[in-house]
């Protein structure tokens, strides 16, 4: 029987921490839409949600492109 390996305890986020994290991410994404590139956006999404699937990421990129066109007046 194999021994179980020690794993560090997972960080337990409180509701306040989660809310702060979401607000920070929203501000960061707003800045990326205004001034960033698609690569910056993909990096931010993968940092926030590492398990993001290919189809979900493609949909988020399409939303990002639409937001950029609207924000920067390109449509």
N, C-alpha and C. Protein backbone atom coordinates (compact mmCIF):
# COMPACT_ATOMS: atom_id res chain seq x y z
N UNK A 1 0.84 -1.18 0.00
CA UNK A 1 0.00 0.00 0.00
C UNK A 1 0.88 1.24 0.00
N UNK A 2 0.61 2.14 -0.89
CA UNK A 2 1.42 3.35 -1.02
C UNK A 2 1.05 4.33 0.09
N UNK A 3 2.06 5.01 0.55
CA UNK A 3 1.83 6.03 1.58
C UNK A 3 1.23 7.28 0.94
N UNK A 4 0.38 7.91 1.68
CA UNK A 4 -0.18 9.18 1.20
C UNK A 4 0.87 10.25 1.39
N UNK A 5 1.00 11.10 0.41
CA UNK A 5 1.96 12.20 0.49
C UNK A 5 1.30 13.38 1.18
N UNK A 6 2.10 14.12 1.92
CA UNK A 6 1.60 15.30 2.61
C UNK A 6 1.33 16.40 1.60
N UNK A 7 0.21 17.03 1.73
CA UNK A 7 -0.14 18.17 0.89
C UNK A 7 -0.43 19.35 1.81
N UNK A 8 0.02 20.53 1.39
CA UNK A 8 -0.29 21.70 2.22
C UNK A 8 -1.79 21.95 2.23
N UNK A 9 -2.31 22.47 3.32
CA UNK A 9 -3.76 22.73 3.35
C UNK A 9 -4.15 23.78 2.32
N UNK A 10 -5.31 23.58 1.72
CA UNK A 10 -5.78 24.54 0.73
C UNK A 10 -6.24 25.80 1.45
N UNK A 11 -5.99 26.91 0.80
CA UNK A 11 -6.37 28.19 1.36
C UNK A 11 -7.90 28.31 1.36
N UNK A 12 -8.45 28.62 2.49
CA UNK A 12 -9.89 28.81 2.60
C UNK A 12 -10.19 30.30 2.48
N UNK A 13 -10.87 30.67 1.42
CA UNK A 13 -11.21 32.06 1.21
C UNK A 13 -12.52 32.39 1.91
N UNK A 14 -12.53 33.51 2.56
CA UNK A 14 -13.78 33.98 3.16
C UNK A 14 -14.56 34.70 2.07
N UNK A 15 -15.80 35.00 2.36
CA UNK A 15 -16.61 35.72 1.39
C UNK A 15 -16.01 37.08 1.06
N UNK A 16 -15.44 37.74 2.07
CA UNK A 16 -14.82 39.05 1.85
C UNK A 16 -13.61 38.92 0.94
N UNK A 17 -12.81 37.88 1.15
CA UNK A 17 -11.65 37.66 0.29
C UNK A 17 -12.07 37.38 -1.14
N UNK A 18 -13.08 36.56 -1.31
CA UNK A 18 -13.58 36.21 -2.64
C UNK A 18 -14.14 37.45 -3.33
N UNK A 19 -14.88 38.26 -2.61
CA UNK A 19 -15.45 39.48 -3.18
C UNK A 19 -14.34 40.45 -3.59
N UNK A 20 -13.34 40.60 -2.75
CA UNK A 20 -12.19 41.47 -3.07
C UNK A 20 -11.47 40.95 -4.30
N UNK A 21 -11.28 39.64 -4.38
CA UNK A 21 -10.59 39.03 -5.52
C UNK A 21 -11.38 39.27 -6.81
N UNK A 22 -12.70 39.11 -6.76
CA UNK A 22 -13.54 39.32 -7.95
C UNK A 22 -13.51 40.78 -8.40
N UNK A 23 -13.55 41.72 -7.44
CA UNK A 23 -13.49 43.14 -7.78
C UNK A 23 -12.15 43.49 -8.41
N UNK A 24 -11.07 42.93 -7.87
CA UNK A 24 -9.74 43.17 -8.42
C UNK A 24 -9.65 42.62 -9.84
N UNK A 25 -10.19 41.43 -10.06
CA UNK A 25 -10.17 40.84 -11.39
C UNK A 25 -11.00 41.68 -12.37
N UNK A 26 -12.16 42.13 -11.94
CA UNK A 26 -13.00 42.96 -12.80
C UNK A 26 -12.28 44.24 -13.21
N UNK A 27 -11.58 44.87 -12.26
CA UNK A 27 -10.83 46.09 -12.56
C UNK A 27 -9.70 45.78 -13.53
N UNK A 28 -9.03 44.67 -13.32
CA UNK A 28 -7.91 44.28 -14.19
C UNK A 28 -8.42 44.00 -15.60
N UNK A 29 -9.54 43.30 -15.72
CA UNK A 29 -10.08 43.00 -17.04
C UNK A 29 -10.56 44.26 -17.74
N UNK A 30 -11.12 45.20 -16.98
CA UNK A 30 -11.54 46.48 -17.57
C UNK A 30 -10.33 47.22 -18.15
N UNK A 31 -9.22 47.20 -17.43
CA UNK A 31 -7.99 47.82 -17.92
C UNK A 31 -7.48 47.12 -19.18
N UNK A 32 -7.58 45.80 -19.21
CA UNK A 32 -7.13 45.04 -20.38
C UNK A 32 -8.00 45.37 -21.60
N UNK A 33 -9.31 45.49 -21.40
CA UNK A 33 -10.20 45.84 -22.51
C UNK A 33 -9.85 47.23 -23.04
N UNK A 34 -9.52 48.15 -22.13
CA UNK A 34 -9.21 49.52 -22.55
C UNK A 34 -7.84 49.65 -23.19
N UNK A 35 -6.85 48.96 -22.64
CA UNK A 35 -5.46 49.21 -23.06
C UNK A 35 -4.67 47.96 -23.45
N UNK A 36 -5.18 46.78 -23.15
CA UNK A 36 -4.40 45.57 -23.33
C UNK A 36 -4.61 44.88 -24.66
N UNK A 37 -3.97 43.73 -24.76
CA UNK A 37 -4.06 42.91 -25.97
C UNK A 37 -4.85 41.64 -25.66
N UNK A 38 -5.15 40.91 -26.70
CA UNK A 38 -5.83 39.63 -26.53
C UNK A 38 -4.97 38.66 -25.72
N UNK A 39 -3.66 38.70 -25.91
CA UNK A 39 -2.76 37.85 -25.14
C UNK A 39 -2.82 38.19 -23.65
N UNK A 40 -2.91 39.49 -23.33
CA UNK A 40 -3.04 39.90 -21.93
C UNK A 40 -4.33 39.33 -21.34
N UNK A 41 -5.40 39.37 -22.12
CA UNK A 41 -6.69 38.86 -21.67
C UNK A 41 -6.63 37.36 -21.41
N UNK A 42 -6.06 36.62 -22.34
CA UNK A 42 -5.97 35.16 -22.20
C UNK A 42 -5.14 34.81 -20.97
N UNK A 43 -4.04 35.51 -20.75
CA UNK A 43 -3.21 35.28 -19.58
C UNK A 43 -3.99 35.52 -18.29
N UNK A 44 -4.77 36.59 -18.25
CA UNK A 44 -5.57 36.91 -17.06
C UNK A 44 -6.64 35.85 -16.82
N UNK A 45 -7.30 35.40 -17.88
CA UNK A 45 -8.34 34.37 -17.73
C UNK A 45 -7.73 33.07 -17.22
N UNK A 46 -6.60 32.68 -17.78
CA UNK A 46 -5.96 31.43 -17.34
C UNK A 46 -5.43 31.53 -15.92
N UNK A 47 -5.03 32.72 -15.49
CA UNK A 47 -4.59 32.89 -14.10
C UNK A 47 -5.77 32.78 -13.16
N UNK A 48 -6.92 33.30 -13.57
CA UNK A 48 -8.11 33.27 -12.73
C UNK A 48 -8.74 31.88 -12.72
N UNK A 49 -8.78 31.24 -13.88
CA UNK A 49 -9.44 29.95 -14.01
C UNK A 49 -8.55 29.01 -14.82
N UNK A 50 -7.57 28.38 -14.18
CA UNK A 50 -6.60 27.53 -14.90
C UNK A 50 -7.24 26.36 -15.65
N UNK A 51 -8.40 25.88 -15.19
CA UNK A 51 -9.03 24.73 -15.82
C UNK A 51 -9.97 25.10 -16.96
N UNK A 52 -9.88 26.35 -17.44
CA UNK A 52 -10.77 26.81 -18.51
C UNK A 52 -10.59 25.92 -19.74
N UNK A 53 -11.72 25.52 -20.32
CA UNK A 53 -11.70 24.65 -21.49
C UNK A 53 -11.50 25.44 -22.78
N UNK A 54 -11.15 24.72 -23.82
CA UNK A 54 -10.87 25.33 -25.12
C UNK A 54 -12.09 26.08 -25.66
N UNK A 55 -13.26 25.46 -25.59
CA UNK A 55 -14.49 26.09 -26.11
C UNK A 55 -14.88 27.30 -25.27
N UNK A 56 -14.76 27.17 -23.95
CA UNK A 56 -15.10 28.29 -23.07
C UNK A 56 -14.14 29.46 -23.31
N UNK A 57 -12.86 29.16 -23.47
CA UNK A 57 -11.87 30.21 -23.72
C UNK A 57 -12.16 30.90 -25.06
N UNK A 58 -12.53 30.14 -26.06
CA UNK A 58 -12.86 30.71 -27.37
C UNK A 58 -14.04 31.68 -27.24
N UNK A 59 -15.06 31.28 -26.47
CA UNK A 59 -16.24 32.14 -26.26
C UNK A 59 -15.86 33.41 -25.52
N UNK A 60 -15.00 33.28 -24.50
CA UNK A 60 -14.55 34.46 -23.75
C UNK A 60 -13.74 35.41 -24.63
N UNK A 61 -12.93 34.85 -25.52
CA UNK A 61 -12.15 35.68 -26.44
C UNK A 61 -13.08 36.45 -27.39
N UNK A 62 -14.14 35.80 -27.86
CA UNK A 62 -15.10 36.48 -28.73
C UNK A 62 -15.78 37.63 -27.98
N UNK A 63 -16.12 37.40 -26.71
CA UNK A 63 -16.71 38.45 -25.89
C UNK A 63 -15.71 39.59 -25.68
N UNK A 64 -14.44 39.23 -25.47
CA UNK A 64 -13.40 40.24 -25.30
C UNK A 64 -13.28 41.10 -26.56
N UNK A 65 -13.27 40.46 -27.71
CA UNK A 65 -13.15 41.21 -28.97
C UNK A 65 -14.32 42.16 -29.16
N UNK A 66 -15.53 41.71 -28.83
CA UNK A 66 -16.71 42.57 -28.95
C UNK A 66 -16.61 43.75 -27.98
N UNK A 67 -16.16 43.48 -26.76
CA UNK A 67 -16.02 44.55 -25.77
C UNK A 67 -14.97 45.57 -26.20
N UNK A 68 -13.88 45.09 -26.80
CA UNK A 68 -12.82 45.99 -27.28
C UNK A 68 -13.36 46.87 -28.39
N UNK A 69 -14.06 46.28 -29.34
CA UNK A 69 -14.63 47.08 -30.44
C UNK A 69 -15.57 48.15 -29.91
N UNK A 70 -16.41 47.78 -28.95
CA UNK A 70 -17.36 48.74 -28.38
C UNK A 70 -16.63 49.82 -27.58
N UNK A 71 -15.70 49.41 -26.74
CA UNK A 71 -14.99 50.36 -25.86
C UNK A 71 -14.12 51.32 -26.66
N UNK A 72 -13.45 50.80 -27.67
CA UNK A 72 -12.52 51.63 -28.43
C UNK A 72 -13.17 52.28 -29.66
N UNK A 73 -14.45 52.06 -29.83
CA UNK A 73 -15.18 52.69 -30.92
C UNK A 73 -14.81 52.18 -32.30
N UNK A 74 -14.55 50.88 -32.40
CA UNK A 74 -14.11 50.31 -33.67
C UNK A 74 -15.24 49.66 -34.46
N UNK A 75 -16.45 49.63 -33.92
CA UNK A 75 -17.53 48.96 -34.65
C UNK A 75 -18.32 49.91 -35.48
